[in-house]
Amino acid sequence: MAGEIVLGQDGSEGSSEALSVACELAKQLDRKLVIAFAYEVSKVGGEVQDLAAALRERGESVTAEAATKAREAGVESETVIEPGHIADTLARLAEQRGASMIVVGSRGESALQGLVLGSVAHKLLHLATTPVLVVPSQT
């Protein structure tokens, strides 16, 4: 369905706030919500397979919980879990699906991590060809 709304979800409080906004938008615009969880695994280290499996399991849990909340809000949704750099994966997914927008929370990682690594929202604003809505943290 063209015009879907792609929601970046990581289980944080910020992404929970983004879920609420995305559900409201999806209802108002009569759009399907695509709840996406992306994860990166370093190629360095001996426990890479275990880490990848744990991250995928976390993604399944987070997206299932978000899908339940979307359903309770009366919004059709589906979940997508993919390995890859988070911002790149969300931007690519939105472009591939012809999404009308990407919704993310402003705080998914700690402030220090955001300064050192750069935030997903900031990276999305620079590389996505799909409009990005960044939901500000209420905390």
C-alpha atoms as a PDB file:
ATOM      1  CA  MET A   1       0.000   0.000   0.000  1.00  0.00           C
ATOM      2  CA  ALA A   2       1.563   3.268  -1.103  1.00  0.00           C
ATOM      3  CA  GLY A   3       1.661   5.920   1.524  1.00  0.00           C
ATOM      4  CA  GLU A   4       2.314   3.664   4.494  1.00  0.00           C
ATOM      5  CA  ILE A   5       3.871   5.164   7.594  1.00  0.00           C
ATOM      6  CA  VAL A   6       7.183   3.597   8.631  1.00  0.00           C
ATOM      7  CA  LEU A   7       7.801   3.747  12.377  1.00  0.00           C
ATOM      8  CA  GLY A   8      11.259   3.176  13.814  1.00  0.00           C
ATOM      9  CA  GLN A   9      10.811   1.217  17.032  1.00  0.00           C
ATOM     10  CA  ASP A  10      13.459   0.255  19.575  1.00  0.00           C
ATOM     11  CA  GLY A  11      11.414  -0.165  22.742  1.00  0.00           C
ATOM     12  CA  SER A  12      12.625   3.078  24.322  1.00  0.00           C
ATOM     13  CA  GLU A  13      10.345   5.662  25.882  1.00  0.00           C
ATOM     14  CA  GLY A  14      11.001   7.948  22.915  1.00  0.00           C
ATOM     15  CA  SER A  15       9.912   5.311  20.426  1.00  0.00           C
ATOM     16  CA  SER A  16       6.824   4.640  22.526  1.00  0.00           C
ATOM     17  CA  GLU A  17       5.893   8.321  22.205  1.00  0.00           C
ATOM     18  CA  ALA A  18       6.540   8.076  18.449  1.00  0.00           C
ATOM     19  CA  LEU A  19       4.230   5.028  18.315  1.00  0.00           C
ATOM     20  CA  SER A  20       1.380   7.040  19.824  1.00  0.00           C
ATOM     21  CA  VAL A  21       1.831   9.831  17.279  1.00  0.00           C
ATOM     22  CA  ALA A  22       2.234   7.394  14.379  1.00  0.00           C
ATOM     23  CA  CYS A  23      -0.967   5.549  15.364  1.00  0.00           C
ATOM     24  CA  GLU A  24      -2.890   8.812  15.479  1.00  0.00           C
ATOM     25  CA  LEU A  25      -1.537   9.847  12.074  1.00  0.00           C
ATOM     26  CA  ALA A  26      -2.256   6.430  10.581  1.00  0.00           C
ATOM     27  CA  LYS A  27      -5.861   6.649  11.771  1.00  0.00           C
ATOM     28  CA  GLN A  28      -6.339  10.204  10.529  1.00  0.00           C
ATOM     29  CA  LEU A  29      -4.754   9.486   7.145  1.00  0.00           C
ATOM     30  CA  ASP A  30      -6.162   5.942   6.836  1.00  0.00           C
ATOM     31  CA  ARG A  31      -2.673   4.493   6.370  1.00  0.00           C
ATOM     32  CA  LYS A  32      -1.054   1.229   7.309  1.00  0.00           C
ATOM     33  CA  LEU A  33       1.699   1.414   9.941  1.00  0.00           C
ATOM     34  CA  VAL A  34       4.932  -0.471   9.266  1.00  0.00           C
ATOM     35  CA  ILE A  35       6.681  -1.017  12.596  1.00  0.00           C
ATOM     36  CA  ALA A  36      10.383  -1.459  11.894  1.00  0.00           C
ATOM     37  CA  PHE A  37      13.236  -2.592  14.104  1.00  0.00           C
ATOM     38  CA  ALA A  38      16.757  -2.484  12.669  1.00  0.00           C
ATOM     39  CA  TYR A  39      19.900  -3.658  14.378  1.00  0.00           C
ATOM     40  CA  GLU A  40      23.620  -3.618  13.744  1.00  0.00           C
ATOM     41  CA  VAL A  41      26.054  -6.323  14.696  1.00  0.00           C
ATOM     42  CA  SER A  42      29.759  -5.631  14.648  1.00  0.00           C
ATOM     43  CA  LYS A  43      31.726  -8.050  12.504  1.00  0.00           C
ATOM     44  CA  VAL A  44      34.440  -8.033  15.150  1.00  0.00           C
ATOM     45  CA  GLY A  45      34.204 -10.445  18.053  1.00  0.00           C
ATOM     46  CA  GLY A  46      33.601 -14.112  18.606  1.00  0.00           C
ATOM     47  CA  GLU A  47      30.015 -13.962  19.812  1.00  0.00           C
ATOM     48  CA  VAL A  48      28.560 -12.277  16.726  1.00  0.00           C
ATOM     49  CA  GLN A  49      25.998 -14.992  16.010  1.00  0.00           C
ATOM     50  CA  ASP A  50      24.740 -14.962  19.591  1.00  0.00           C
ATOM     51  CA  LEU A  51      24.493 -11.172  19.604  1.00  0.00           C
ATOM     52  CA  ALA A  52      22.631 -11.135  16.274  1.00  0.00           C
ATOM     53  CA  ALA A  53      20.165 -13.726  17.589  1.00  0.00           C
ATOM     54  CA  ALA A  54      19.624 -11.754  20.809  1.00  0.00           C
ATOM     55  CA  LEU A  55      19.048  -8.503  18.903  1.00  0.00           C
ATOM     56  CA  ARG A  56      16.613 -10.180  16.522  1.00  0.00           C
ATOM     57  CA  GLU A  57      14.753 -11.644  19.508  1.00  0.00           C
ATOM     58  CA  ARG A  58      14.598  -8.185  21.088  1.00  0.00           C
ATOM     59  CA  GLY A  59      13.249  -6.818  17.815  1.00  0.00           C
ATOM     60  CA  GLU A  60      10.537  -9.460  17.696  1.00  0.00           C
ATOM     61  CA  SER A  61       9.466  -8.598  21.234  1.00  0.00           C
ATOM     62  CA  VAL A  62       9.514  -4.822  20.702  1.00  0.00           C
ATOM     63  CA  THR A  63       7.644  -4.907  17.395  1.00  0.00           C
ATOM     64  CA  ALA A  64       5.048  -7.403  18.649  1.00  0.00           C
ATOM     65  CA  GLU A  65       4.295  -5.136  21.609  1.00  0.00           C
ATOM     66  CA  ALA A  66       4.020  -2.100  19.310  1.00  0.00           C
ATOM     67  CA  ALA A  67       1.760  -4.018  16.898  1.00  0.00           C
ATOM     68  CA  THR A  68      -0.536  -4.913  19.800  1.00  0.00           C
ATOM     69  CA  LYS A  69      -0.769  -1.241  20.797  1.00  0.00           C
ATOM     70  CA  ALA A  70      -1.454  -0.249  17.184  1.00  0.00           C
ATOM     71  CA  ARG A  71      -4.208  -2.866  16.908  1.00  0.00           C
ATOM     72  CA  GLU A  72      -5.746  -1.622  20.168  1.00  0.00           C
ATOM     73  CA  ALA A  73      -5.721   1.890  18.667  1.00  0.00           C
ATOM     74  CA  GLY A  74      -7.557   0.573  15.607  1.00  0.00           C
ATOM     75  CA  VAL A  75      -4.573   0.803  13.247  1.00  0.00           C
ATOM     76  CA  GLU A  76      -3.573  -1.855  10.718  1.00  0.00           C
ATOM     77  CA  SER A  77       0.115  -2.673  11.040  1.00  0.00           C
ATOM     78  CA  GLU A  78       2.830  -5.094  10.134  1.00  0.00           C
ATOM     79  CA  THR A  79       6.283  -5.619  11.575  1.00  0.00           C
ATOM     80  CA  VAL A  80       9.656  -5.688   9.866  1.00  0.00           C
ATOM     81  CA  ILE A  81      12.935  -6.698  11.510  1.00  0.00           C
ATOM     82  CA  GLU A  82      16.135  -6.261   9.521  1.00  0.00           C
ATOM     83  CA  PRO A  83      19.842  -6.230  10.210  1.00  0.00           C
ATOM     84  CA  GLY A  84      21.706  -3.129   9.111  1.00  0.00           C
ATOM     85  CA  HIS A  85      22.526   0.397  10.141  1.00  0.00           C
ATOM     86  CA  ILE A  86      19.325   1.723  11.685  1.00  0.00           C
ATOM     87  CA  ALA A  87      18.947   5.013   9.805  1.00  0.00           C
ATOM     88  CA  ASP A  88      19.992   3.454   6.483  1.00  0.00           C
ATOM     89  CA  THR A  89      17.570   0.571   6.973  1.00  0.00           C
ATOM     90  CA  LEU A  90      14.618   2.806   7.850  1.00  0.00           C
ATOM     91  CA  ALA A  91      15.314   5.126   4.898  1.00  0.00           C
ATOM     92  CA  ARG A  92      15.646   2.208   2.465  1.00  0.00           C
ATOM     93  CA  LEU A  93      12.526   0.502   3.772  1.00  0.00           C
ATOM     94  CA  ALA A  94      10.482   3.691   3.430  1.00  0.00           C
ATOM     95  CA  GLU A  95      11.727   4.282  -0.104  1.00  0.00           C
ATOM     96  CA  GLN A  96      11.131   0.669  -1.194  1.00  0.00           C
ATOM     97  CA  ARG A  97       7.584   0.722   0.122  1.00  0.00           C
ATOM     98  CA  GLY A  98       6.675   4.171  -1.163  1.00  0.00           C
ATOM     99  CA  ALA A  99       5.988   5.341   2.380  1.00  0.00           C
ATOM    100  CA  SER A 100       4.508   8.767   2.957  1.00  0.00           C
ATOM    101  CA  MET A 101       6.693   9.359   6.010  1.00  0.00           C
ATOM    102  CA  ILE A 102       9.071   7.908   8.578  1.00  0.00           C
ATOM    103  CA  VAL A 103       8.270   8.501  12.259  1.00  0.00           C
ATOM    104  CA  VAL A 104      10.917   8.182  14.983  1.00  0.00           C
ATOM    105  CA  GLY A 105      11.320   9.356  18.548  1.00  0.00           C
ATOM    106  CA  SER A 106      13.887  12.000  19.382  1.00  0.00           C
ATOM    107  CA  ARG A 107      15.405   9.916  22.161  1.00  0.00           C
ATOM    108  CA  GLY A 108      16.176   6.274  21.567  1.00  0.00           C
ATOM    109  CA  GLU A 109      19.694   6.292  22.850  1.00  0.00           C
ATOM    110  CA  SER A 110      21.373   8.092  25.708  1.00  0.00           C
ATOM    111  CA  ALA A 111      22.482  11.693  25.224  1.00  0.00           C
ATOM    112  CA  LEU A 112      26.155  10.641  25.406  1.00  0.00           C
ATOM    113  CA  GLN A 113      25.663   7.910  22.801  1.00  0.00           C
ATOM    114  CA  GLY A 114      23.846  10.403  20.602  1.00  0.00           C
ATOM    115  CA  LEU A 115      26.780  12.834  20.811  1.00  0.00           C
ATOM    116  CA  VAL A 116      29.399  10.186  20.134  1.00  0.00           C
ATOM    117  CA  LEU A 117      27.569   8.006  17.620  1.00  0.00           C
ATOM    118  CA  GLY A 118      25.055  10.465  16.195  1.00  0.00           C
ATOM    119  CA  SER A 119      21.340  10.014  16.596  1.00  0.00           C
ATOM    120  CA  VAL A 120      19.183   7.975  14.242  1.00  0.00           C
ATOM    121  CA  ALA A 121      16.811  10.924  13.820  1.00  0.00           C
ATOM    122  CA  HIS A 122      19.659  13.250  12.829  1.00  0.00           C
ATOM    123  CA  LYS A 123      21.053  10.746  10.334  1.00  0.00           C
ATOM    124  CA  LEU A 124      17.601  10.128   8.854  1.00  0.00           C
ATOM    125  CA  LEU A 125      17.076  13.844   8.283  1.00  0.00           C
ATOM    126  CA  HIS A 126      20.203  13.876   6.122  1.00  0.00           C
ATOM    127  CA  LEU A 127      19.821  10.690   4.111  1.00  0.00           C
ATOM    128  CA  ALA A 128      16.119   9.832   3.781  1.00  0.00           C
ATOM    129  CA  THR A 129      14.270  10.794   0.610  1.00  0.00           C
ATOM    130  CA  THR A 130      11.005  10.244   2.501  1.00  0.00           C
ATOM    131  CA  PRO A 131       9.758  12.968   4.889  1.00  0.00           C
ATOM    132  CA  VAL A 132      10.825  12.322   8.486  1.00  0.00           C
ATOM    133  CA  LEU A 133       8.753  13.223  11.532  1.00  0.00           C
ATOM    134  CA  VAL A 134      10.768  13.356  14.744  1.00  0.00           C
ATOM    135  CA  VAL A 135       8.554  13.136  17.824  1.00  0.00           C
ATOM    136  CA  PRO A 136      10.061  15.121  20.698  1.00  0.00           C
ATOM    137  CA  SER A 137      10.576  13.379  24.019  1.00  0.00           C
ATOM    138  CA  GLN A 138       8.125  14.390  26.719  1.00  0.00           C
ATOM    139  CA  THR A 139      10.604  13.561  29.501  1.00  0.00           C
END
